[in-house]
Amino acid sequence: MVFKWYGIRAPLPKRAFTGLVVDPDIYYDVQYTPDPIPLWLRLTIANNEGLTLYFKAAPSQLPSGWSMDEQTLGSVSDGGRGTFTVSLSRSKPSIPFPTLDEDLVLRILAYRDDAYTDLYGYIDVPLTAHGIDSDDPNWTVVKEADFDDGTTQGFEEYYEEVDCYLYSRVFGVTDEVCVSPPYGLCIKYSTDSNGHCYSYAGAKCSYDASAYSKVFAVICTRRGWRTFEVYVESDGLGYAFQLPYQDKWYRAVTPVKAIAGTLKIYAHFSLAGGQTSNFCLDDVKIIAT
């Protein structure tokens, strides 16, 4: 599983030591995931208090089945901002259709010292976790692509050049990396010894979910060296995922708009001269109810 962040949560009244940027919703799929399901949260902390503060994350309220250890995040200087990763997990549940919605509370604690003994204050951050079973037969499958017939199954290359000098760019199905054999979909970038590449690239497809009220995009995705955030975008509404490790498959799920439009799934590439990287997809579904 991956972590996702979107939107800005304003500082809470009478707790002014920090502002938080954190997605209040966590989404996960029970398919293609281990038990327990690992999850990560991405959060940004702004320190406005006139002194360096040292932060921890701890569970404040967890439903049955959830687990989280207290985690030391690090320091943020006065007027600064820091972005951190918080890990937690959920034992794999049975999902009532369409989603299992659970409320959690994450506590962010601030200390005056690097030994984390002099507590300055804390904020409790409410979160909602939404679990789905993408293989539940009650879902309507709007779009599905496993690429196992050796074609891109309606996906086309999406490419946005920001500043790029490429030696080569290859888009298509491959038998080198996949979740469900024999094929997956990959885009591969290489720069020459003097070049560099800063761009966004991946895949896009058309879909029509305008007849439904709740729609999710579910993907297996994998990033290579110097490939950073992965984005899922529908009609201008975007979600960003950070994959913790390269060359490892992750299952990502996010709501998308109930429209007739274009779904884009792409990654941020940043390669120096002589480097090669890739971004891969497999077992993509758009499901709706």
C-alpha atoms as a PDB file:
ATOM      1  CA  MET A   1       0.000   0.000   0.000  1.00  0.00           C
ATOM      2  CA  VAL A   2       1.057   3.599  -0.496  1.00  0.00           C
ATOM      3  CA  PHE A   3       0.384   6.819   1.227  1.00  0.00           C
ATOM      4  CA  LYS A   4      -1.453   9.752  -0.285  1.00  0.00           C
ATOM      5  CA  TRP A   5      -1.825  13.375   0.637  1.00  0.00           C
ATOM      6  CA  TYR A   6      -4.189  16.014  -0.633  1.00  0.00           C
ATOM      7  CA  GLY A   7      -5.608  19.259   0.743  1.00  0.00           C
ATOM      8  CA  ILE A   8      -4.682  21.545   3.632  1.00  0.00           C
ATOM      9  CA  ARG A   9      -5.932  21.275   7.176  1.00  0.00           C
ATOM     10  CA  ALA A  10      -5.902  24.637   9.002  1.00  0.00           C
ATOM     11  CA  PRO A  11      -4.295  24.903  12.467  1.00  0.00           C
ATOM     12  CA  LEU A  12      -6.784  24.089  15.197  1.00  0.00           C
ATOM     13  CA  PRO A  13      -7.879  26.848  17.641  1.00  0.00           C
ATOM     14  CA  LYS A  14      -5.710  27.309  20.753  1.00  0.00           C
ATOM     15  CA  ARG A  15      -3.069  24.953  19.363  1.00  0.00           C
ATOM     16  CA  ALA A  16      -0.940  27.307  17.361  1.00  0.00           C
ATOM     17  CA  PHE A  17       2.424  25.587  17.419  1.00  0.00           C
ATOM     18  CA  THR A  18       1.939  24.031  14.014  1.00  0.00           C
ATOM     19  CA  GLY A  19       0.040  23.976  10.775  1.00  0.00           C
ATOM     20  CA  LEU A  20      -0.515  20.591   9.172  1.00  0.00           C
ATOM     21  CA  VAL A  21      -0.815  19.487   5.584  1.00  0.00           C
ATOM     22  CA  VAL A  22      -2.279  15.980   5.655  1.00  0.00           C
ATOM     23  CA  ASP A  23      -4.933  14.085   3.742  1.00  0.00           C
ATOM     24  CA  PRO A  24      -7.742  13.316   6.209  1.00  0.00           C
ATOM     25  CA  ASP A  25      -8.708  10.202   4.202  1.00  0.00           C
ATOM     26  CA  ILE A  26      -6.770   6.937   3.882  1.00  0.00           C
ATOM     27  CA  TYR A  27      -7.721   4.487   1.117  1.00  0.00           C
ATOM     28  CA  TYR A  28      -6.602   0.876   0.814  1.00  0.00           C
ATOM     29  CA  ASP A  29      -7.523  -2.255  -1.113  1.00  0.00           C
ATOM     30  CA  VAL A  30      -7.476  -5.759   0.382  1.00  0.00           C
ATOM     31  CA  GLN A  31      -6.490  -7.258  -2.983  1.00  0.00           C
ATOM     32  CA  TYR A  32      -2.770  -7.670  -3.792  1.00  0.00           C
ATOM     33  CA  THR A  33      -1.841  -6.631  -0.230  1.00  0.00           C
ATOM     34  CA  PRO A  34      -0.264  -8.583   2.644  1.00  0.00           C
ATOM     35  CA  ASP A  35      -1.783  -9.223   6.045  1.00  0.00           C
ATOM     36  CA  PRO A  36      -1.412  -6.954   7.930  1.00  0.00           C
ATOM     37  CA  ILE A  37      -1.679  -4.207   5.305  1.00  0.00           C
ATOM     38  CA  PRO A  38       1.140  -1.619   5.663  1.00  0.00           C
ATOM     39  CA  LEU A  39       0.119   2.002   5.155  1.00  0.00           C
ATOM     40  CA  TRP A  40       1.980   5.290   5.197  1.00  0.00           C
ATOM     41  CA  LEU A  41       0.874   8.864   5.800  1.00  0.00           C
ATOM     42  CA  ARG A  42       2.671  11.865   4.376  1.00  0.00           C
ATOM     43  CA  LEU A  43       2.375  15.032   6.456  1.00  0.00           C
ATOM     44  CA  THR A  44       3.972  18.466   6.425  1.00  0.00           C
ATOM     45  CA  ILE A  45       4.484  20.399   9.661  1.00  0.00           C
ATOM     46  CA  ALA A  46       4.959  24.169   9.794  1.00  0.00           C
ATOM     47  CA  ASN A  47       6.594  25.579  12.933  1.00  0.00           C
ATOM     48  CA  ASN A  48       5.447  29.115  13.790  1.00  0.00           C
ATOM     49  CA  GLU A  49       6.487  29.245  17.433  1.00  0.00           C
ATOM     50  CA  GLY A  50       9.777  31.155  17.620  1.00  0.00           C
ATOM     51  CA  LEU A  51      11.952  28.166  18.598  1.00  0.00           C
ATOM     52  CA  THR A  52      13.096  24.880  17.123  1.00  0.00           C
ATOM     53  CA  LEU A  53      10.675  22.062  17.912  1.00  0.00           C
ATOM     54  CA  TYR A  54      11.139  18.297  17.810  1.00  0.00           C
ATOM     55  CA  PHE A  55       8.187  16.197  16.680  1.00  0.00           C
ATOM     56  CA  LYS A  56       6.776  12.758  17.337  1.00  0.00           C
ATOM     57  CA  ALA A  57       3.751  10.933  15.956  1.00  0.00           C
ATOM     58  CA  ALA A  58       1.738   8.562  18.131  1.00  0.00           C
ATOM     59  CA  PRO A  59      -1.662   6.866  18.018  1.00  0.00           C
ATOM     60  CA  SER A  60      -4.362   8.688  19.946  1.00  0.00           C
ATOM     61  CA  GLN A  61      -7.355   6.600  18.903  1.00  0.00           C
ATOM     62  CA  LEU A  62      -7.164   3.408  16.861  1.00  0.00           C
ATOM     63  CA  PRO A  63     -10.052   1.032  16.114  1.00  0.00           C
ATOM     64  CA  SER A  64      -9.637  -2.715  16.550  1.00  0.00           C
ATOM     65  CA  GLY A  65      -7.349  -4.200  13.926  1.00  0.00           C
ATOM     66  CA  TRP A  66      -5.109  -1.144  13.603  1.00  0.00           C
ATOM     67  CA  SER A  67      -1.544  -0.865  14.864  1.00  0.00           C
ATOM     68  CA  MET A  68       0.908   2.030  15.107  1.00  0.00           C
ATOM     69  CA  ASP A  69       4.113   2.582  17.062  1.00  0.00           C
ATOM     70  CA  GLU A  70       5.214   5.940  18.447  1.00  0.00           C
ATOM     71  CA  GLN A  71       7.575   7.439  15.875  1.00  0.00           C
ATOM     72  CA  THR A  72      10.236  10.145  16.166  1.00  0.00           C
ATOM     73  CA  LEU A  73       9.948  12.475  13.182  1.00  0.00           C
ATOM     74  CA  GLY A  74      12.720  15.023  13.727  1.00  0.00           C
ATOM     75  CA  SER A  75      13.066  18.774  14.124  1.00  0.00           C
ATOM     76  CA  VAL A  76      11.630  21.825  12.390  1.00  0.00           C
ATOM     77  CA  SER A  77      13.283  25.193  12.974  1.00  0.00           C
ATOM     78  CA  ASP A  78      11.396  28.402  13.691  1.00  0.00           C
ATOM     79  CA  GLY A  79       9.547  29.484  10.562  1.00  0.00           C
ATOM     80  CA  GLY A  80      10.437  26.264   8.787  1.00  0.00           C
ATOM     81  CA  ARG A  81       8.515  23.364   7.321  1.00  0.00           C
ATOM     82  CA  GLY A  82       9.264  19.657   7.357  1.00  0.00           C
ATOM     83  CA  THR A  83       7.720  16.753   5.473  1.00  0.00           C
ATOM     84  CA  PHE A  84       7.579  13.405   7.241  1.00  0.00           C
ATOM     85  CA  THR A  85       6.370   9.850   6.755  1.00  0.00           C
ATOM     86  CA  VAL A  86       4.291   8.064   9.392  1.00  0.00           C
ATOM     87  CA  SER A  87       3.674   4.316   9.161  1.00  0.00           C
ATOM     88  CA  LEU A  88       0.776   2.264  10.492  1.00  0.00           C
ATOM     89  CA  SER A  89      -0.950  -0.981   9.570  1.00  0.00           C
ATOM     90  CA  ARG A  90      -4.344  -2.669   9.411  1.00  0.00           C
ATOM     91  CA  SER A  91      -4.981  -6.393   9.777  1.00  0.00           C
ATOM     92  CA  LYS A  92      -6.714  -7.464   6.587  1.00  0.00           C
ATOM     93  CA  PRO A  93     -10.468  -7.104   7.214  1.00  0.00           C
ATOM     94  CA  SER A  94     -13.562  -8.454   5.548  1.00  0.00           C
ATOM     95  CA  ILE A  95     -14.977  -5.477   3.620  1.00  0.00           C
ATOM     96  CA  PRO A  96     -18.734  -4.848   3.577  1.00  0.00           C
ATOM     97  CA  PHE A  97     -19.652  -3.455   0.168  1.00  0.00           C
ATOM     98  CA  PRO A  98     -18.810  -0.800  -0.878  1.00  0.00           C
ATOM     99  CA  THR A  99     -16.345   0.400   1.794  1.00  0.00           C
ATOM    100  CA  LEU A 100     -15.301  -0.166   5.382  1.00  0.00           C
ATOM    101  CA  ASP A 101     -15.028   3.316   6.935  1.00  0.00           C
ATOM    102  CA  GLU A 102     -13.189   3.697  10.237  1.00  0.00           C
ATOM    103  CA  ASP A 103     -12.220   6.768  12.268  1.00  0.00           C
ATOM    104  CA  LEU A 104      -8.696   7.160  13.635  1.00  0.00           C
ATOM    105  CA  VAL A 105      -6.938   9.918  15.555  1.00  0.00           C
ATOM    106  CA  LEU A 106      -3.224  10.597  15.074  1.00  0.00           C
ATOM    107  CA  ARG A 107      -1.403  12.666  17.721  1.00  0.00           C
ATOM    108  CA  ILE A 108       1.435  14.986  16.679  1.00  0.00           C
ATOM    109  CA  LEU A 109       3.552  15.980  19.697  1.00  0.00           C
ATOM    110  CA  ALA A 110       6.085  18.832  19.826  1.00  0.00           C
ATOM    111  CA  TYR A 111       9.043  18.963  22.228  1.00  0.00           C
ATOM    112  CA  ARG A 112      11.525  21.707  23.061  1.00  0.00           C
ATOM    113  CA  ASP A 113      14.497  19.338  23.246  1.00  0.00           C
ATOM    114  CA  ASP A 114      16.049  16.662  21.063  1.00  0.00           C
ATOM    115  CA  ALA A 115      15.742  14.133  23.894  1.00  0.00           C
ATOM    116  CA  TYR A 116      11.953  14.457  23.576  1.00  0.00           C
ATOM    117  CA  THR A 117      11.407  15.055  27.293  1.00  0.00           C
ATOM    118  CA  ASP A 118      10.179  18.676  27.425  1.00  0.00           C
ATOM    119  CA  LEU A 119       6.686  18.593  25.892  1.00  0.00           C
ATOM    120  CA  TYR A 120       5.605  21.846  24.233  1.00  0.00           C
ATOM    121  CA  GLY A 121       2.166  20.765  23.018  1.00  0.00           C
ATOM    122  CA  TYR A 122       0.299  18.449  20.693  1.00  0.00           C
ATOM    123  CA  ILE A 123      -2.446  18.280  18.088  1.00  0.00           C
ATOM    124  CA  ASP A 124      -4.864  15.395  17.586  1.00  0.00           C
ATOM    125  CA  VAL A 125      -5.544  14.876  13.881  1.00  0.00           C
ATOM    126  CA  PRO A 126      -8.771  13.022  12.930  1.00  0.00           C
ATOM    127  CA  LEU A 127      -8.478  10.643   9.968  1.00  0.00           C
ATOM    128  CA  THR A 128     -10.900   8.341   8.186  1.00  0.00           C
ATOM    129  CA  ALA A 129      -9.744   5.070   6.639  1.00  0.00           C
ATOM    130  CA  HIS A 130     -11.719   3.649   3.714  1.00  0.00           C
ATOM    131  CA  GLY A 131     -11.113  -0.015   2.901  1.00  0.00           C
ATOM    132  CA  ILE A 132     -12.365  -1.574  -0.328  1.00  0.00           C
ATOM    133  CA  ASP A 133     -12.336  -4.993  -1.941  1.00  0.00           C
ATOM    134  CA  SER A 134     -11.779  -4.260  -5.613  1.00  0.00           C
ATOM    135  CA  ASP A 135     -12.758  -7.827  -6.563  1.00  0.00           C
ATOM    136  CA  ASP A 136     -16.172  -7.654  -4.891  1.00  0.00           C
ATOM    137  CA  PRO A 137     -18.707  -8.691  -7.581  1.00  0.00           C
ATOM    138  CA  ASN A 138     -21.029  -5.836  -6.585  1.00  0.00           C
ATOM    139  CA  TRP A 139     -18.697  -3.299  -8.201  1.00  0.00           C
ATOM    140  CA  THR A 140     -19.339  -2.303 -11.785  1.00  0.00           C
ATOM    141  CA  VAL A 141     -16.033  -2.528 -13.640  1.00  0.00           C
ATOM    142  CA  VAL A 142     -15.878   0.568 -15.845  1.00  0.00           C
ATOM    143  CA  LYS A 143     -12.359  -0.095 -17.127  1.00  0.00           C
ATOM    144  CA  GLU A 144      -9.941  -2.973 -16.588  1.00  0.00           C
ATOM    145  CA  ALA A 145      -6.470  -3.535 -17.984  1.00  0.00           C
ATOM    146  CA  ASP A 146      -4.042  -6.331 -17.136  1.00  0.00           C
ATOM    147  CA  PHE A 147      -2.067  -6.023 -20.417  1.00  0.00           C
ATOM    148  CA  ASP A 148      -1.784  -9.816 -20.579  1.00  0.00           C
ATOM    149  CA  ASP A 149      -2.816  -9.988 -24.233  1.00  0.00           C
ATOM    150  CA  GLY A 150       0.348  -8.085 -25.114  1.00  0.00           C
ATOM    151  CA  THR A 151      -1.427  -4.791 -25.901  1.00  0.00           C
ATOM    152  CA  THR A 152      -1.875  -1.555 -23.961  1.00  0.00           C
ATOM    153  CA  GLN A 153      -5.642  -2.238 -23.779  1.00  0.00           C
ATOM    154  CA  GLY A 154      -6.722   1.337 -24.460  1.00  0.00           C
ATOM    155  CA  PHE A 155      -3.918   3.094 -22.579  1.00  0.00           C
ATOM    156  CA  GLU A 156      -1.807   5.638 -24.416  1.00  0.00           C
ATOM    157  CA  GLU A 157       1.422   7.335 -23.420  1.00  0.00           C
ATOM    158  CA  TYR A 158       1.067  10.488 -21.334  1.00  0.00           C
ATOM    159  CA  TYR A 159       4.093  12.762 -21.488  1.00  0.00           C
ATOM    160  CA  GLU A 160       4.671  16.284 -20.218  1.00  0.00           C
ATOM    161  CA  GLU A 161       8.131  17.663 -20.909  1.00  0.00           C
ATOM    162  CA  VAL A 162       9.353  20.229 -18.401  1.00  0.00           C
ATOM    163  CA  ASP A 163      13.097  20.238 -19.063  1.00  0.00           C
ATOM    164  CA  CYS A 164      14.345  17.152 -20.780  1.00  0.00           C
ATOM    165  CA  TYR A 165      17.209  15.900 -22.952  1.00  0.00           C
ATOM    166  CA  LEU A 166      16.515  12.231 -23.590  1.00  0.00           C
ATOM    167  CA  TYR A 167      18.607   9.512 -25.160  1.00  0.00           C
ATOM    168  CA  SER A 168      15.586   7.243 -25.431  1.00  0.00           C
ATOM    169  CA  ARG A 169      11.988   6.829 -24.277  1.00  0.00           C
ATOM    170  CA  VAL A 170      10.114   3.532 -24.581  1.00  0.00           C
ATOM    171  CA  PHE A 171       6.410   2.992 -23.819  1.00  0.00           C
ATOM    172  CA  GLY A 172       4.629  -0.317 -24.046  1.00  0.00           C
ATOM    173  CA  VAL A 173       3.954  -3.754 -22.591  1.00  0.00           C
ATOM    174  CA  THR A 174       6.817  -5.796 -21.212  1.00  0.00           C
ATOM    175  CA  ASP A 175       7.382  -9.270 -19.797  1.00  0.00           C
ATOM    176  CA  GLU A 176      10.275  -8.038 -17.635  1.00  0.00           C
ATOM    177  CA  VAL A 177       8.165  -6.646 -14.777  1.00  0.00           C
ATOM    178  CA  CYS A 178       4.544  -7.413 -13.968  1.00  0.00           C
ATOM    179  CA  VAL A 179       2.221  -8.335 -11.117  1.00  0.00           C
ATOM    180  CA  SER A 180       0.120 -10.843 -13.047  1.00  0.00           C
ATOM    181  CA  PRO A 181       2.120 -12.607 -15.797  1.00  0.00           C
ATOM    182  CA  PRO A 182       2.841 -12.476 -18.596  1.00  0.00           C
ATOM    183  CA  TYR A 183       2.832  -8.686 -19.162  1.00  0.00           C
ATOM    184  CA  GLY A 184       2.794  -5.278 -17.498  1.00  0.00           C
ATOM    185  CA  LEU A 185       2.902  -1.737 -18.897  1.00  0.00           C
ATOM    186  CA  CYS A 186       6.077   0.345 -18.529  1.00  0.00           C
ATOM    187  CA  ILE A 187       7.609   3.594 -19.664  1.00  0.00           C
ATOM    188  CA  LYS A 188      11.419   3.696 -19.630  1.00  0.00           C
ATOM    189  CA  TYR A 189      13.619   6.798 -19.798  1.00  0.00           C
ATOM    190  CA  SER A 190      17.346   7.120 -20.503  1.00  0.00           C
ATOM    191  CA  THR A 191      19.556  10.201 -20.754  1.00  0.00           C
ATOM    192  CA  ASP A 192      22.887  10.441 -22.505  1.00  0.00           C
ATOM    193  CA  SER A 193      26.076  11.251 -20.611  1.00  0.00           C
ATOM    194  CA  ASN A 194      25.623  15.018 -21.000  1.00  0.00           C
ATOM    195  CA  GLY A 195      21.851  15.207 -20.744  1.00  0.00           C
ATOM    196  CA  HIS A 196      19.230  15.425 -18.035  1.00  0.00           C
ATOM    197  CA  CYS A 197      15.489  14.949 -17.808  1.00  0.00           C
ATOM    198  CA  TYR A 198      12.841  16.534 -15.609  1.00  0.00           C
ATOM    199  CA  SER A 199       9.418  15.489 -16.813  1.00  0.00           C
ATOM    200  CA  TYR A 200       6.099  13.798 -16.058  1.00  0.00           C
ATOM    201  CA  ALA A 201       5.282  10.623 -17.919  1.00  0.00           C
ATOM    202  CA  GLY A 202       3.013   7.620 -17.717  1.00  0.00           C
ATOM    203  CA  ALA A 203      -0.260   6.445 -19.245  1.00  0.00           C
ATOM    204  CA  LYS A 204      -3.770   7.736 -19.876  1.00  0.00           C
ATOM    205  CA  CYS A 205      -7.101   6.265 -20.912  1.00  0.00           C
ATOM    206  CA  SER A 206     -10.659   7.390 -21.507  1.00  0.00           C
ATOM    207  CA  TYR A 207     -13.455   6.235 -19.219  1.00  0.00           C
ATOM    208  CA  ASP A 208     -17.150   6.901 -18.732  1.00  0.00           C
ATOM    209  CA  ALA A 209     -18.421   6.665 -15.147  1.00  0.00           C
ATOM    210  CA  SER A 210     -20.949   9.476 -15.441  1.00  0.00           C
ATOM    211  CA  ALA A 211     -23.823   7.139 -14.565  1.00  0.00           C
ATOM    212  CA  TYR A 212     -22.406   6.353 -11.116  1.00  0.00           C
ATOM    213  CA  SER A 213     -22.084   8.132  -7.790  1.00  0.00           C
ATOM    214  CA  LYS A 214     -18.920   6.561  -6.348  1.00  0.00           C
ATOM    215  CA  VAL A 215     -15.883   5.747  -8.502  1.00  0.00           C
ATOM    216  CA  PHE A 216     -12.391   4.456  -7.622  1.00  0.00           C
ATOM    217  CA  ALA A 217      -9.205   3.970  -9.594  1.00  0.00           C
ATOM    218  CA  VAL A 218      -7.188   1.001  -8.350  1.00  0.00           C
ATOM    219  CA  ILE A 219      -3.683   0.313  -9.674  1.00  0.00           C
ATOM    220  CA  CYS A 220      -0.557  -1.716  -9.084  1.00  0.00           C
ATOM    221  CA  THR A 221       2.421   0.556  -9.633  1.00  0.00           C
ATOM    222  CA  ARG A 222       6.195   0.486  -9.383  1.00  0.00           C
ATOM    223  CA  ARG A 223       8.893   3.136  -9.733  1.00  0.00           C
ATOM    224  CA  GLY A 224      12.543   2.987 -10.691  1.00  0.00           C
ATOM    225  CA  TRP A 225      15.580   5.042  -9.758  1.00  0.00           C
ATOM    226  CA  ARG A 226      15.036   8.833  -9.668  1.00  0.00           C
ATOM    227  CA  THR A 227      11.295   8.454 -10.197  1.00  0.00           C
ATOM    228  CA  PHE A 228       9.408  10.206  -7.439  1.00  0.00           C
ATOM    229  CA  GLU A 229       5.730  10.934  -6.788  1.00  0.00           C
ATOM    230  CA  VAL A 230       3.075   9.054  -8.714  1.00  0.00           C
ATOM    231  CA  TYR A 231      -0.056  10.989  -9.699  1.00  0.00           C
ATOM    232  CA  VAL A 232      -3.579   9.856 -10.488  1.00  0.00           C
ATOM    233  CA  GLU A 233      -5.568  12.612 -12.162  1.00  0.00           C
ATOM    234  CA  SER A 234      -9.139  12.838 -13.391  1.00  0.00           C
ATOM    235  CA  ASP A 235     -10.668  16.002 -14.848  1.00  0.00           C
ATOM    236  CA  GLY A 236      -8.319  18.285 -12.943  1.00  0.00           C
ATOM    237  CA  LEU A 237      -8.695  16.475  -9.614  1.00  0.00           C
ATOM    238  CA  GLY A 238      -5.326  15.036  -8.650  1.00  0.00           C
ATOM    239  CA  TYR A 239      -3.960  12.700  -6.012  1.00  0.00           C
ATOM    240  CA  ALA A 240      -0.269  12.228  -5.308  1.00  0.00           C
ATOM    241  CA  PHE A 241       1.256   9.007  -4.004  1.00  0.00           C
ATOM    242  CA  GLN A 242       4.737   8.496  -2.629  1.00  0.00           C
ATOM    243  CA  LEU A 243       6.094   4.974  -3.143  1.00  0.00           C
ATOM    244  CA  PRO A 244       8.492   4.325  -0.253  1.00  0.00           C
ATOM    245  CA  TYR A 245      10.904   2.052  -2.161  1.00  0.00           C
ATOM    246  CA  GLN A 246      12.000   1.725  -5.754  1.00  0.00           C
ATOM    247  CA  ASP A 247      11.621  -1.468  -7.790  1.00  0.00           C
ATOM    248  CA  LYS A 248       8.801  -2.738  -5.591  1.00  0.00           C
ATOM    249  CA  TRP A 249       5.123  -3.097  -6.494  1.00  0.00           C
ATOM    250  CA  TYR A 250       2.478  -1.194  -4.506  1.00  0.00           C
ATOM    251  CA  ARG A 251      -1.312  -1.254  -4.579  1.00  0.00           C
ATOM    252  CA  ALA A 252      -2.865   2.207  -4.708  1.00  0.00           C
ATOM    253  CA  VAL A 253      -6.522   3.228  -4.634  1.00  0.00           C
ATOM    254  CA  THR A 254      -8.120   6.643  -4.835  1.00  0.00           C
ATOM    255  CA  PRO A 255     -11.543   8.089  -5.626  1.00  0.00           C
ATOM    256  CA  VAL A 256     -11.919   9.742  -9.020  1.00  0.00           C
ATOM    257  CA  LYS A 257     -14.648  11.847 -10.558  1.00  0.00           C
ATOM    258  CA  ALA A 258     -17.857  10.251 -11.767  1.00  0.00           C
ATOM    259  CA  ILE A 259     -17.550  11.666 -15.268  1.00  0.00           C
ATOM    260  CA  ALA A 260     -16.902  10.775 -18.870  1.00  0.00           C
ATOM    261  CA  GLY A 261     -13.287  11.899 -19.107  1.00  0.00           C
ATOM    262  CA  THR A 262      -9.617  10.958 -19.081  1.00  0.00           C
ATOM    263  CA  LEU A 263      -7.728   9.173 -16.339  1.00  0.00           C
ATOM    264  CA  LYS A 264      -4.000   9.949 -16.181  1.00  0.00           C
ATOM    265  CA  ILE A 265      -1.560   7.809 -14.187  1.00  0.00           C
ATOM    266  CA  TYR A 266       1.956   9.201 -14.322  1.00  0.00           C
ATOM    267  CA  ALA A 267       5.191   9.741 -12.433  1.00  0.00           C
ATOM    268  CA  HIS A 268       7.717  12.504 -11.894  1.00  0.00           C
ATOM    269  CA  PHE A 269      11.074  11.700 -13.506  1.00  0.00           C
ATOM    270  CA  SER A 270      14.284  13.539 -12.575  1.00  0.00           C
ATOM    271  CA  LEU A 271      17.360  12.009 -14.192  1.00  0.00           C
ATOM    272  CA  ALA A 272      20.917  13.263 -14.447  1.00  0.00           C
ATOM    273  CA  GLY A 273      23.202  12.479 -17.375  1.00  0.00           C
ATOM    274  CA  GLY A 274      23.645   8.808 -18.169  1.00  0.00           C
ATOM    275  CA  GLN A 275      20.821   7.603 -15.912  1.00  0.00           C
ATOM    276  CA  THR A 276      17.906   5.281 -16.693  1.00  0.00           C
ATOM    277  CA  SER A 277      14.599   4.857 -14.874  1.00  0.00           C
ATOM    278  CA  ASN A 278      11.139   3.452 -15.403  1.00  0.00           C
ATOM    279  CA  PHE A 279       7.558   3.596 -14.215  1.00  0.00           C
ATOM    280  CA  CYS A 280       5.292   0.549 -14.490  1.00  0.00           C
ATOM    281  CA  LEU A 281       1.597  -0.292 -14.132  1.00  0.00           C
ATOM    282  CA  ASP A 282      -0.374  -3.496 -13.946  1.00  0.00           C
ATOM    283  CA  ASP A 283      -3.870  -4.706 -13.050  1.00  0.00           C
ATOM    284  CA  VAL A 284      -5.556  -1.328 -13.395  1.00  0.00           C
ATOM    285  CA  LYS A 285      -9.253  -1.056 -12.578  1.00  0.00           C
ATOM    286  CA  ILE A 286     -11.828   1.705 -12.543  1.00  0.00           C
ATOM    287  CA  ILE A 287     -14.726   0.477 -10.415  1.00  0.00           C
ATOM    288  CA  ALA A 288     -18.005   2.189  -9.614  1.00  0.00           C
ATOM    289  CA  THR A 289     -21.319   1.931  -7.834  1.00  0.00           C
END
